[in-house]
Amino acid sequence: MEKRYKILITDPLVNRMVDEAKERFPECADRIDYILVEEGNEEELIEKAPGVDIMAGARNKISGKVIEKADKLFFIQQCSAGYDNIDMEAARRKGIKVSNAGTAGAIPVPEHAIMLMLALSKSLIRAHESMREGKWIFPELISKVYELGGKMLGIVGLGKIGSQVASLAHAFGMKLQYYDPYRPDASDLNLPIKSVTLEELLRTSDFVSIHALLTPETEHLIGKRELGLMKESAYLINTSRGVIVDEEALAEALENKKIRGAGLDVYGVHHEAPDKSSKLLQLDNIVLTPHIGGATAEDIYRNFYETSLGNIMDVISGKEPRYVVS
């Protein structure tokens, strides 16, 4: 008799996986019992974790308490690139394999980072809002909008996403450098890009774009001291995780014009909105978006219903999972 599997979908955002699985993998449909959540907070996940073989989710936190209650859990599928919402140490202790969605975000997040660079350097928000108000601010903006071509881009974290940012930026004629202690050489990219220290990158870049994973080492990697190293004409872009940058220090640097501007798509630890009292919401030299860098229709489908679902079905079929990060 074939083994049956219980799969807990920890995030309502991924609930469509049930119908996709039945449609695309009908041969496995009779062997799977799905458990869905209403919100997916810790209390609800703890209640539903016992007896579950596999968990699949995207945004909600899978804490150590949840993992400890999951007495049969052997595999967690994270349907995105980042997996800092999972207590990896708890998973390792119990021998639970964790996979992410592989190349998730490798197309949309680099596009979003470049978009933020363009929006800032071209004063897009100010120009758009003034036109809507019936104002013609050409005299104000003449010689105060800037080109990407010829500018130095410093990339912090040269993984799949950072590498694609480099490729797109090269097409704009930007000069390239990067900081990544885990990747001392990038000759495989066939791009004119050099490895530098974080300090050199901050001192010499016109744009600094963050694409590092959130770890204990990268939390507040960019703080008051690091922001103080940047050029006054430089821009900071963050489409990775909010707390890699000290947000209070960033607000202070922007307010005091220590750097020219910033573009942010991420705030706090994972999938969080900025606090309504945050100074970042009150500044005019910043462009803010609501964590939509990797939320394109195309990438969500690839991440959830091709890569992640396919990985889960491989595991159920007895194959080794891909993109294991634990």
C-alpha atoms as a PDB file:
ATOM      1  CA  MET A   1       0.000   0.000   0.000  1.00  0.00           C
ATOM      2  CA  GLU A   2       1.395   3.384  -1.028  1.00  0.00           C
ATOM      3  CA  LYS A   3       2.146   5.871   1.711  1.00  0.00           C
ATOM      4  CA  ARG A   4      -0.227   8.771   2.210  1.00  0.00           C
ATOM      5  CA  TYR A   5       1.126  12.247   2.889  1.00  0.00           C
ATOM      6  CA  LYS A   6      -0.267  15.158   4.866  1.00  0.00           C
ATOM      7  CA  ILE A   7       0.777  18.536   3.472  1.00  0.00           C
ATOM      8  CA  LEU A   8       0.214  21.668   5.545  1.00  0.00           C
ATOM      9  CA  ILE A   9      -0.065  24.840   3.455  1.00  0.00           C
ATOM     10  CA  THR A  10       1.160  27.415   5.984  1.00  0.00           C
ATOM     11  CA  ASP A  11       0.174  30.531   4.028  1.00  0.00           C
ATOM     12  CA  PRO A  12      -3.232  31.248   2.406  1.00  0.00           C
ATOM     13  CA  LEU A  13      -1.303  32.899  -0.433  1.00  0.00           C
ATOM     14  CA  VAL A  14      -0.312  29.394  -1.571  1.00  0.00           C
ATOM     15  CA  ASN A  15      -3.736  27.712  -1.279  1.00  0.00           C
ATOM     16  CA  ARG A  16      -4.058  27.472  -5.059  1.00  0.00           C
ATOM     17  CA  MET A  17      -1.357  24.806  -4.877  1.00  0.00           C
ATOM     18  CA  VAL A  18      -4.039  22.258  -3.960  1.00  0.00           C
ATOM     19  CA  ASP A  19      -5.971  22.680  -7.221  1.00  0.00           C
ATOM     20  CA  GLU A  20      -2.770  22.972  -9.264  1.00  0.00           C
ATOM     21  CA  ALA A  21      -1.499  19.705  -7.767  1.00  0.00           C
ATOM     22  CA  LYS A  22      -4.704  17.854  -8.557  1.00  0.00           C
ATOM     23  CA  GLU A  23      -4.684  19.167 -12.131  1.00  0.00           C
ATOM     24  CA  ARG A  24      -0.989  18.741 -12.929  1.00  0.00           C
ATOM     25  CA  PHE A  25      -0.204  15.642 -10.872  1.00  0.00           C
ATOM     26  CA  PRO A  26      -3.411  13.541 -10.866  1.00  0.00           C
ATOM     27  CA  GLU A  27      -1.395  10.368 -10.275  1.00  0.00           C
ATOM     28  CA  CYS A  28      -0.499  11.663  -6.794  1.00  0.00           C
ATOM     29  CA  ALA A  29      -3.869  13.184  -5.889  1.00  0.00           C
ATOM     30  CA  ASP A  30      -5.214  10.138  -4.012  1.00  0.00           C
ATOM     31  CA  ARG A  31      -2.125   9.967  -1.804  1.00  0.00           C
ATOM     32  CA  ILE A  32      -2.236  13.509  -0.416  1.00  0.00           C
ATOM     33  CA  ASP A  33      -4.329  15.103   2.306  1.00  0.00           C
ATOM     34  CA  TYR A  34      -4.034  18.890   2.369  1.00  0.00           C
ATOM     35  CA  ILE A  35      -4.438  21.005   5.472  1.00  0.00           C
ATOM     36  CA  LEU A  36      -5.087  24.711   4.934  1.00  0.00           C
ATOM     37  CA  VAL A  37      -4.859  27.605   7.357  1.00  0.00           C
ATOM     38  CA  GLU A  38      -7.009  30.683   7.814  1.00  0.00           C
ATOM     39  CA  GLU A  39      -4.157  33.024   8.764  1.00  0.00           C
ATOM     40  CA  GLY A  40      -1.114  30.868   9.444  1.00  0.00           C
ATOM     41  CA  ASN A  41      -0.010  32.523  12.680  1.00  0.00           C
ATOM     42  CA  GLU A  42       2.121  30.561  15.138  1.00  0.00           C
ATOM     43  CA  GLU A  43      -0.812  29.439  17.287  1.00  0.00           C
ATOM     44  CA  GLU A  44      -2.706  28.036  14.301  1.00  0.00           C
ATOM     45  CA  LEU A  45       0.372  26.312  12.869  1.00  0.00           C
ATOM     46  CA  ILE A  46       1.176  24.709  16.234  1.00  0.00           C
ATOM     47  CA  GLU A  47      -2.383  23.367  16.366  1.00  0.00           C
ATOM     48  CA  LYS A  48      -2.223  21.893  12.868  1.00  0.00           C
ATOM     49  CA  ALA A  49       1.409  20.714  12.803  1.00  0.00           C
ATOM     50  CA  PRO A  50       1.069  17.266  14.487  1.00  0.00           C
ATOM     51  CA  GLY A  51       0.973  14.425  11.958  1.00  0.00           C
ATOM     52  CA  VAL A  52       2.082  16.616   9.037  1.00  0.00           C
ATOM     53  CA  ASP A  53       4.737  15.194   6.694  1.00  0.00           C
ATOM     54  CA  ILE A  54       5.417  18.271   4.557  1.00  0.00           C
ATOM     55  CA  MET A  55       4.930  22.007   4.989  1.00  0.00           C
ATOM     56  CA  ALA A  56       4.737  24.494   2.127  1.00  0.00           C
ATOM     57  CA  GLY A  57       4.529  28.262   2.515  1.00  0.00           C
ATOM     58  CA  ALA A  58       5.871  31.660   1.604  1.00  0.00           C
ATOM     59  CA  ARG A  59       5.464  34.514   4.112  1.00  0.00           C
ATOM     60  CA  ASN A  60       4.389  33.103   7.463  1.00  0.00           C
ATOM     61  CA  LYS A  61       6.907  32.230  10.132  1.00  0.00           C
ATOM     62  CA  ILE A  62       7.616  28.556  10.766  1.00  0.00           C
ATOM     63  CA  SER A  63       9.068  28.856  14.251  1.00  0.00           C
ATOM     64  CA  GLY A  64      10.949  26.373  16.377  1.00  0.00           C
ATOM     65  CA  LYS A  65       7.769  25.797  18.388  1.00  0.00           C
ATOM     66  CA  VAL A  66       5.891  24.866  15.216  1.00  0.00           C
ATOM     67  CA  ILE A  67       8.666  22.527  14.093  1.00  0.00           C
ATOM     68  CA  GLU A  68       8.830  20.831  17.499  1.00  0.00           C
ATOM     69  CA  LYS A  69       5.086  20.109  17.367  1.00  0.00           C
ATOM     70  CA  ALA A  70       5.410  18.640  13.849  1.00  0.00           C
ATOM     71  CA  ASP A  71       6.254  15.117  14.989  1.00  0.00           C
ATOM     72  CA  LYS A  72       6.286  13.586  11.483  1.00  0.00           C
ATOM     73  CA  LEU A  73       7.629  16.519   9.479  1.00  0.00           C
ATOM     74  CA  PHE A  74      10.543  15.655   7.190  1.00  0.00           C
ATOM     75  CA  PHE A  75      10.440  18.349   4.477  1.00  0.00           C
ATOM     76  CA  ILE A  76       9.652  22.077   4.253  1.00  0.00           C
ATOM     77  CA  GLN A  77       9.191  23.779   0.885  1.00  0.00           C
ATOM     78  CA  GLN A  78       9.701  27.541   0.982  1.00  0.00           C
ATOM     79  CA  CYS A  79       7.998  28.983  -2.102  1.00  0.00           C
ATOM     80  CA  SER A  80      10.400  31.918  -2.448  1.00  0.00           C
ATOM     81  CA  ALA A  81      14.131  32.597  -2.459  1.00  0.00           C
ATOM     82  CA  GLY A  82      14.488  33.885   1.118  1.00  0.00           C
ATOM     83  CA  TYR A  83      13.913  31.460   3.984  1.00  0.00           C
ATOM     84  CA  ASP A  84      14.612  33.596   7.052  1.00  0.00           C
ATOM     85  CA  ASN A  85      10.998  33.004   8.152  1.00  0.00           C
ATOM     86  CA  ILE A  86      11.954  29.396   8.994  1.00  0.00           C
ATOM     87  CA  ASP A  87      13.809  28.439  12.176  1.00  0.00           C
ATOM     88  CA  MET A  88      16.623  26.686  10.329  1.00  0.00           C
ATOM     89  CA  GLU A  89      18.409  25.574  13.495  1.00  0.00           C
ATOM     90  CA  ALA A  90      15.268  23.794  14.708  1.00  0.00           C
ATOM     91  CA  ALA A  91      14.907  22.131  11.306  1.00  0.00           C
ATOM     92  CA  ARG A  92      18.548  20.991  11.367  1.00  0.00           C
ATOM     93  CA  ARG A  93      18.192  19.550  14.863  1.00  0.00           C
ATOM     94  CA  LYS A  94      15.325  17.342  13.681  1.00  0.00           C
ATOM     95  CA  GLY A  95      16.954  16.416  10.365  1.00  0.00           C
ATOM     96  CA  ILE A  96      14.254  18.185   8.347  1.00  0.00           C
ATOM     97  CA  LYS A  97      15.244  19.168   4.832  1.00  0.00           C
ATOM     98  CA  VAL A  98      14.336  22.689   3.709  1.00  0.00           C
ATOM     99  CA  SER A  99      14.249  23.797   0.071  1.00  0.00           C
ATOM    100  CA  ASN A 100      13.641  27.218  -1.389  1.00  0.00           C
ATOM    101  CA  ALA A 101      12.257  28.027  -4.827  1.00  0.00           C
ATOM    102  CA  GLY A 102      15.643  28.026  -6.531  1.00  0.00           C
ATOM    103  CA  THR A 103      15.741  30.878  -9.015  1.00  0.00           C
ATOM    104  CA  ALA A 104      12.802  32.715  -7.422  1.00  0.00           C
ATOM    105  CA  GLY A 105      13.046  36.448  -7.969  1.00  0.00           C
ATOM    106  CA  ALA A 106      15.916  36.186 -10.439  1.00  0.00           C
ATOM    107  CA  ILE A 107      13.961  38.064 -13.122  1.00  0.00           C
ATOM    108  CA  PRO A 108      11.565  40.452 -11.333  1.00  0.00           C
ATOM    109  CA  VAL A 109      13.716  41.576  -8.396  1.00  0.00           C
ATOM    110  CA  PRO A 110      16.619  42.773 -10.585  1.00  0.00           C
ATOM    111  CA  GLU A 111      14.113  44.587 -12.804  1.00  0.00           C
ATOM    112  CA  HIS A 112      12.632  46.213  -9.703  1.00  0.00           C
ATOM    113  CA  ALA A 113      16.052  47.272  -8.436  1.00  0.00           C
ATOM    114  CA  ILE A 114      16.860  48.910 -11.775  1.00  0.00           C
ATOM    115  CA  MET A 115      13.414  50.556 -11.759  1.00  0.00           C
ATOM    116  CA  LEU A 116      14.130  52.088  -8.339  1.00  0.00           C
ATOM    117  CA  MET A 117      17.485  53.395  -9.593  1.00  0.00           C
ATOM    118  CA  LEU A 118      15.783  55.012 -12.577  1.00  0.00           C
ATOM    119  CA  ALA A 119      12.902  56.426 -10.514  1.00  0.00           C
ATOM    120  CA  LEU A 120      15.351  58.064  -8.122  1.00  0.00           C
ATOM    121  CA  SER A 121      17.862  59.379 -10.626  1.00  0.00           C
ATOM    122  CA  LYS A 122      15.131  60.759 -12.905  1.00  0.00           C
ATOM    123  CA  SER A 123      13.070  62.288 -10.039  1.00  0.00           C
ATOM    124  CA  LEU A 124      10.150  60.275 -11.375  1.00  0.00           C
ATOM    125  CA  ILE A 125       7.841  60.622  -8.365  1.00  0.00           C
ATOM    126  CA  ARG A 126       8.322  64.397  -8.044  1.00  0.00           C
ATOM    127  CA  ALA A 127       7.901  64.869 -11.809  1.00  0.00           C
ATOM    128  CA  HIS A 128       4.760  62.741 -11.964  1.00  0.00           C
ATOM    129  CA  GLU A 129       3.094  64.346  -8.951  1.00  0.00           C
ATOM    130  CA  SER A 130       3.824  67.860 -10.207  1.00  0.00           C
ATOM    131  CA  MET A 131       2.306  67.089 -13.603  1.00  0.00           C
ATOM    132  CA  ARG A 132      -0.831  65.717 -11.929  1.00  0.00           C
ATOM    133  CA  GLU A 133      -1.035  68.980  -9.997  1.00  0.00           C
ATOM    134  CA  GLY A 134      -0.842  70.991 -13.212  1.00  0.00           C
ATOM    135  CA  LYS A 135       2.663  72.252 -12.486  1.00  0.00           C
ATOM    136  CA  TRP A 136       5.540  72.450 -14.972  1.00  0.00           C
ATOM    137  CA  ILE A 137       8.759  72.002 -12.991  1.00  0.00           C
ATOM    138  CA  PHE A 138      11.219  71.776 -15.876  1.00  0.00           C
ATOM    139  CA  PRO A 139      13.238  74.732 -14.512  1.00  0.00           C
ATOM    140  CA  GLU A 140      13.484  72.998 -11.128  1.00  0.00           C
ATOM    141  CA  LEU A 141      14.633  69.664 -12.499  1.00  0.00           C
ATOM    142  CA  ILE A 142      16.910  70.730 -15.360  1.00  0.00           C
ATOM    143  CA  SER A 143      20.421  69.373 -14.693  1.00  0.00           C
ATOM    144  CA  LYS A 144      19.086  67.667 -11.550  1.00  0.00           C
ATOM    145  CA  VAL A 145      18.124  64.385 -13.170  1.00  0.00           C
ATOM    146  CA  TYR A 146      20.876  61.895 -13.799  1.00  0.00           C
ATOM    147  CA  GLU A 147      21.948  59.025 -16.055  1.00  0.00           C
ATOM    148  CA  LEU A 148      22.777  55.454 -15.073  1.00  0.00           C
ATOM    149  CA  GLY A 149      25.346  55.129 -17.838  1.00  0.00           C
ATOM    150  CA  GLY A 150      28.897  55.545 -16.581  1.00  0.00           C
ATOM    151  CA  LYS A 151      27.901  55.386 -12.902  1.00  0.00           C
ATOM    152  CA  MET A 152      29.454  52.855 -10.510  1.00  0.00           C
ATOM    153  CA  LEU A 153      27.045  50.255  -9.159  1.00  0.00           C
ATOM    154  CA  GLY A 154      28.075  48.419  -5.999  1.00  0.00           C
ATOM    155  CA  ILE A 155      26.212  45.157  -5.447  1.00  0.00           C
ATOM    156  CA  VAL A 156      26.108  43.668  -1.951  1.00  0.00           C
ATOM    157  CA  GLY A 157      25.533  39.939  -2.435  1.00  0.00           C
ATOM    158  CA  LEU A 158      26.279  38.417  -5.834  1.00  0.00           C
ATOM    159  CA  GLY A 159      23.954  35.422  -5.877  1.00  0.00           C
ATOM    160  CA  LYS A 160      21.397  34.659  -8.599  1.00  0.00           C
ATOM    161  CA  ILE A 161      19.578  37.966  -8.110  1.00  0.00           C
ATOM    162  CA  GLY A 162      22.658  40.121  -7.625  1.00  0.00           C
ATOM    163  CA  SER A 163      24.250  38.591 -10.720  1.00  0.00           C
ATOM    164  CA  GLN A 164      21.218  39.437 -12.836  1.00  0.00           C
ATOM    165  CA  VAL A 165      21.257  43.006 -11.484  1.00  0.00           C
ATOM    166  CA  ALA A 166      24.862  43.208 -12.701  1.00  0.00           C
ATOM    167  CA  SER A 167      23.856  41.956 -16.136  1.00  0.00           C
ATOM    168  CA  LEU A 168      21.019  44.482 -16.506  1.00  0.00           C
ATOM    169  CA  ALA A 169      23.144  47.326 -15.169  1.00  0.00           C
ATOM    170  CA  HIS A 170      25.916  46.459 -17.629  1.00  0.00           C
ATOM    171  CA  ALA A 171      23.381  46.842 -20.444  1.00  0.00           C
ATOM    172  CA  PHE A 172      22.785  50.399 -19.188  1.00  0.00           C
ATOM    173  CA  GLY A 173      26.507  51.096 -19.399  1.00  0.00           C
ATOM    174  CA  MET A 174      27.112  51.124 -15.655  1.00  0.00           C
ATOM    175  CA  LYS A 175      30.457  50.209 -14.094  1.00  0.00           C
ATOM    176  CA  LEU A 176      30.276  47.242 -11.735  1.00  0.00           C
ATOM    177  CA  GLN A 177      31.766  46.121  -8.446  1.00  0.00           C
ATOM    178  CA  TYR A 178      30.522  43.828  -5.701  1.00  0.00           C
ATOM    179  CA  TYR A 179      31.030  42.685  -2.139  1.00  0.00           C
ATOM    180  CA  ASP A 180      30.342  39.045  -1.309  1.00  0.00           C
ATOM    181  CA  PRO A 181      32.637  37.183   1.114  1.00  0.00           C
ATOM    182  CA  TYR A 182      31.279  33.869  -0.183  1.00  0.00           C
ATOM    183  CA  ARG A 183      32.080  34.643  -3.815  1.00  0.00           C
ATOM    184  CA  PRO A 184      35.621  35.958  -4.243  1.00  0.00           C
ATOM    185  CA  ASP A 185      35.546  35.467  -8.022  1.00  0.00           C
ATOM    186  CA  ALA A 186      32.848  36.329 -10.575  1.00  0.00           C
ATOM    187  CA  SER A 187      34.681  35.549 -13.813  1.00  0.00           C
ATOM    188  CA  ASP A 188      31.927  33.080 -14.729  1.00  0.00           C
ATOM    189  CA  LEU A 189      29.565  36.017 -15.343  1.00  0.00           C
ATOM    190  CA  ASN A 190      31.657  37.252 -18.294  1.00  0.00           C
ATOM    191  CA  LEU A 191      31.069  40.814 -17.100  1.00  0.00           C
ATOM    192  CA  PRO A 192      33.571  43.559 -16.249  1.00  0.00           C
ATOM    193  CA  ILE A 193      32.936  43.322 -12.506  1.00  0.00           C
ATOM    194  CA  LYS A 194      35.424  43.400  -9.640  1.00  0.00           C
ATOM    195  CA  SER A 195      35.351  42.143  -6.059  1.00  0.00           C
ATOM    196  CA  VAL A 196      36.013  44.797  -3.404  1.00  0.00           C
ATOM    197  CA  THR A 197      35.686  45.210   0.341  1.00  0.00           C
ATOM    198  CA  LEU A 198      32.427  46.544   1.719  1.00  0.00           C
ATOM    199  CA  GLU A 199      34.133  49.783   2.754  1.00  0.00           C
ATOM    200  CA  GLU A 200      35.567  50.379  -0.712  1.00  0.00           C
ATOM    201  CA  LEU A 201      32.225  49.592  -2.305  1.00  0.00           C
ATOM    202  CA  LEU A 202      30.427  52.099  -0.097  1.00  0.00           C
ATOM    203  CA  ARG A 203      33.026  54.841  -0.614  1.00  0.00           C
ATOM    204  CA  THR A 204      33.203  54.559  -4.397  1.00  0.00           C
ATOM    205  CA  SER A 205      29.731  53.538  -5.613  1.00  0.00           C
ATOM    206  CA  ASP A 206      27.137  55.906  -7.065  1.00  0.00           C
ATOM    207  CA  PHE A 207      24.445  53.301  -6.426  1.00  0.00           C
ATOM    208  CA  VAL A 208      24.558  50.602  -3.738  1.00  0.00           C
ATOM    209  CA  SER A 209      22.099  47.751  -4.294  1.00  0.00           C
ATOM    210  CA  ILE A 210      21.559  45.099  -1.604  1.00  0.00           C
ATOM    211  CA  HIS A 211      20.917  41.485  -2.574  1.00  0.00           C
ATOM    212  CA  ALA A 212      22.206  39.532   0.426  1.00  0.00           C
ATOM    213  CA  LEU A 213      20.325  36.910   2.398  1.00  0.00           C
ATOM    214  CA  LEU A 214      19.289  37.890   5.907  1.00  0.00           C
ATOM    215  CA  THR A 215      21.548  36.118   8.406  1.00  0.00           C
ATOM    216  CA  PRO A 216      22.896  37.085  11.848  1.00  0.00           C
ATOM    217  CA  GLU A 217      25.954  38.421   9.996  1.00  0.00           C
ATOM    218  CA  THR A 218      23.985  40.624   7.594  1.00  0.00           C
ATOM    219  CA  GLU A 219      21.452  42.115  10.039  1.00  0.00           C
ATOM    220  CA  HIS A 220      22.253  45.864  10.186  1.00  0.00           C
ATOM    221  CA  LEU A 221      25.166  45.261   7.842  1.00  0.00           C
ATOM    222  CA  ILE A 222      24.536  48.813   6.646  1.00  0.00           C
ATOM    223  CA  GLY A 223      24.376  51.074   9.688  1.00  0.00           C
ATOM    224  CA  LYS A 224      25.233  54.666  10.557  1.00  0.00           C
ATOM    225  CA  ARG A 225      28.969  54.149  10.067  1.00  0.00           C
ATOM    226  CA  GLU A 226      28.520  52.451   6.683  1.00  0.00           C
ATOM    227  CA  LEU A 227      26.066  55.083   5.451  1.00  0.00           C
ATOM    228  CA  GLY A 228      28.588  57.699   6.500  1.00  0.00           C
ATOM    229  CA  LEU A 229      31.109  56.181   4.087  1.00  0.00           C
ATOM    230  CA  MET A 230      28.843  56.701   1.072  1.00  0.00           C
ATOM    231  CA  LYS A 231      29.075  59.631  -1.319  1.00  0.00           C
ATOM    232  CA  GLU A 232      26.627  62.473  -0.711  1.00  0.00           C
ATOM    233  CA  SER A 233      25.544  61.963  -4.338  1.00  0.00           C
ATOM    234  CA  ALA A 234      24.928  58.216  -3.883  1.00  0.00           C
ATOM    235  CA  TYR A 235      21.696  56.229  -3.768  1.00  0.00           C
ATOM    236  CA  LEU A 236      20.920  53.129  -1.665  1.00  0.00           C
ATOM    237  CA  ILE A 237      18.617  50.427  -3.060  1.00  0.00           C
ATOM    238  CA  ASN A 238      17.256  47.599  -0.897  1.00  0.00           C
ATOM    239  CA  THR A 239      15.094  44.830  -2.369  1.00  0.00           C
ATOM    240  CA  SER A 240      16.383  42.090  -0.047  1.00  0.00           C
ATOM    241  CA  ARG A 241      15.376  42.366   3.637  1.00  0.00           C
ATOM    242  CA  GLY A 242      14.683  45.580   5.529  1.00  0.00           C
ATOM    243  CA  VAL A 243      16.800  44.923   8.620  1.00  0.00           C
ATOM    244  CA  ILE A 244      19.971  44.447   6.582  1.00  0.00           C
ATOM    245  CA  VAL A 245      19.890  48.257   6.746  1.00  0.00           C
ATOM    246  CA  ASP A 246      19.516  50.151  10.011  1.00  0.00           C
ATOM    247  CA  GLU A 247      16.331  51.964   8.989  1.00  0.00           C
ATOM    248  CA  GLU A 248      16.640  54.690  11.638  1.00  0.00           C
ATOM    249  CA  ALA A 249      20.197  55.435  10.533  1.00  0.00           C
ATOM    250  CA  LEU A 250      19.038  55.488   6.915  1.00  0.00           C
ATOM    251  CA  ALA A 251      16.229  57.938   7.699  1.00  0.00           C
ATOM    252  CA  GLU A 252      18.724  60.186   9.461  1.00  0.00           C
ATOM    253  CA  ALA A 253      21.165  60.029   6.535  1.00  0.00           C
ATOM    254  CA  LEU A 254      18.395  60.905   4.067  1.00  0.00           C
ATOM    255  CA  GLU A 255      16.998  63.685   6.236  1.00  0.00           C
ATOM    256  CA  ASN A 256      20.439  65.277   6.615  1.00  0.00           C
ATOM    257  CA  LYS A 257      21.246  64.751   2.911  1.00  0.00           C
ATOM    258  CA  LYS A 258      24.229  62.544   3.762  1.00  0.00           C
ATOM    259  CA  ILE A 259      23.211  60.524   0.705  1.00  0.00           C
ATOM    260  CA  ARG A 260      21.083  61.708  -2.207  1.00  0.00           C
ATOM    261  CA  GLY A 261      18.301  59.156  -1.990  1.00  0.00           C
ATOM    262  CA  ALA A 262      17.087  55.621  -1.369  1.00  0.00           C
ATOM    263  CA  GLY A 263      14.734  53.114  -2.966  1.00  0.00           C
ATOM    264  CA  LEU A 264      13.180  50.504  -0.680  1.00  0.00           C
ATOM    265  CA  ASP A 265      10.944  47.526  -1.359  1.00  0.00           C
ATOM    266  CA  VAL A 266      11.504  45.821   2.008  1.00  0.00           C
ATOM    267  CA  TYR A 267      11.057  46.776   5.653  1.00  0.00           C
ATOM    268  CA  GLY A 268      11.686  44.987   8.930  1.00  0.00           C
ATOM    269  CA  VAL A 269      12.541  41.304   9.077  1.00  0.00           C
ATOM    270  CA  HIS A 270      10.441  39.577   6.437  1.00  0.00           C
ATOM    271  CA  HIS A 271       7.080  40.507   4.924  1.00  0.00           C
ATOM    272  CA  GLU A 272       6.353  43.604   6.993  1.00  0.00           C
ATOM    273  CA  ALA A 273       5.007  47.088   6.358  1.00  0.00           C
ATOM    274  CA  PRO A 274       6.979  50.017   7.757  1.00  0.00           C
ATOM    275  CA  ASP A 275       5.670  51.447  11.007  1.00  0.00           C
ATOM    276  CA  LYS A 276       3.322  54.353  10.323  1.00  0.00           C
ATOM    277  CA  SER A 277       5.480  56.563  12.524  1.00  0.00           C
ATOM    278  CA  SER A 278       8.627  55.782  10.525  1.00  0.00           C
ATOM    279  CA  LYS A 279      10.548  58.815   9.291  1.00  0.00           C
ATOM    280  CA  LEU A 280      11.085  56.962   6.036  1.00  0.00           C
ATOM    281  CA  LEU A 281       7.453  57.680   5.140  1.00  0.00           C
ATOM    282  CA  GLN A 282       7.940  61.427   5.524  1.00  0.00           C
ATOM    283  CA  LEU A 283      10.966  62.047   3.323  1.00  0.00           C
ATOM    284  CA  ASP A 284      10.937  63.354  -0.242  1.00  0.00           C
ATOM    285  CA  ASN A 285      14.241  61.776  -1.374  1.00  0.00           C
ATOM    286  CA  ILE A 286      13.039  58.200  -1.154  1.00  0.00           C
ATOM    287  CA  VAL A 287      10.953  55.859  -3.329  1.00  0.00           C
ATOM    288  CA  LEU A 288       8.965  53.203  -1.459  1.00  0.00           C
ATOM    289  CA  THR A 289       7.183  50.121  -2.807  1.00  0.00           C
ATOM    290  CA  PRO A 290       5.252  47.446  -0.814  1.00  0.00           C
ATOM    291  CA  HIS A 291       7.515  44.385  -1.200  1.00  0.00           C
ATOM    292  CA  ILE A 292       6.367  43.765  -4.773  1.00  0.00           C
ATOM    293  CA  GLY A 293       9.819  43.232  -6.281  1.00  0.00           C
ATOM    294  CA  GLY A 294       9.292  39.480  -6.570  1.00  0.00           C
ATOM    295  CA  ALA A 295       5.504  39.512  -6.741  1.00  0.00           C
ATOM    296  CA  THR A 296       4.978  39.468 -10.501  1.00  0.00           C
ATOM    297  CA  ALA A 297       2.282  37.159 -11.848  1.00  0.00           C
ATOM    298  CA  GLU A 298       4.886  35.256 -13.843  1.00  0.00           C
ATOM    299  CA  ASP A 299       7.337  34.711 -10.993  1.00  0.00           C
ATOM    300  CA  ILE A 300       4.682  33.788  -8.439  1.00  0.00           C
ATOM    301  CA  TYR A 301       3.412  31.073 -10.791  1.00  0.00           C
ATOM    302  CA  ARG A 302       6.926  29.792 -11.430  1.00  0.00           C
ATOM    303  CA  ASN A 303       7.835  29.787  -7.727  1.00  0.00           C
ATOM    304  CA  PHE A 304       4.642  28.310  -6.294  1.00  0.00           C
ATOM    305  CA  TYR A 305       3.190  26.057  -8.937  1.00  0.00           C
ATOM    306  CA  GLU A 306       6.142  24.954 -11.047  1.00  0.00           C
ATOM    307  CA  THR A 307       9.327  24.940  -8.964  1.00  0.00           C
ATOM    308  CA  SER A 308       7.921  24.434  -5.450  1.00  0.00           C
ATOM    309  CA  LEU A 309       5.015  22.170  -6.327  1.00  0.00           C
ATOM    310  CA  GLY A 310       7.220  20.161  -8.664  1.00  0.00           C
ATOM    311  CA  ASN A 311       9.762  19.739  -5.869  1.00  0.00           C
ATOM    312  CA  ILE A 312       7.114  18.502  -3.457  1.00  0.00           C
ATOM    313  CA  MET A 313       5.851  15.973  -5.992  1.00  0.00           C
ATOM    314  CA  ASP A 314       9.403  14.761  -6.581  1.00  0.00           C
ATOM    315  CA  VAL A 315       9.762  14.159  -2.843  1.00  0.00           C
ATOM    316  CA  ILE A 316       6.472  12.263  -2.713  1.00  0.00           C
ATOM    317  CA  SER A 317       7.677  10.165  -5.645  1.00  0.00           C
ATOM    318  CA  GLY A 318      10.809   9.179  -3.737  1.00  0.00           C
ATOM    319  CA  LYS A 319      13.267  11.544  -5.396  1.00  0.00           C
ATOM    320  CA  GLU A 320      15.694  13.847  -3.632  1.00  0.00           C
ATOM    321  CA  PRO A 321      14.458  17.453  -3.353  1.00  0.00           C
ATOM    322  CA  ARG A 322      16.165  20.206  -5.310  1.00  0.00           C
ATOM    323  CA  TYR A 323      17.348  23.579  -3.987  1.00  0.00           C
ATOM    324  CA  VAL A 324      18.018  22.254  -0.469  1.00  0.00           C
ATOM    325  CA  VAL A 325      19.236  25.070   1.807  1.00  0.00           C
ATOM    326  CA  SER A 326      19.269  23.321   5.191  1.00  0.00           C
END
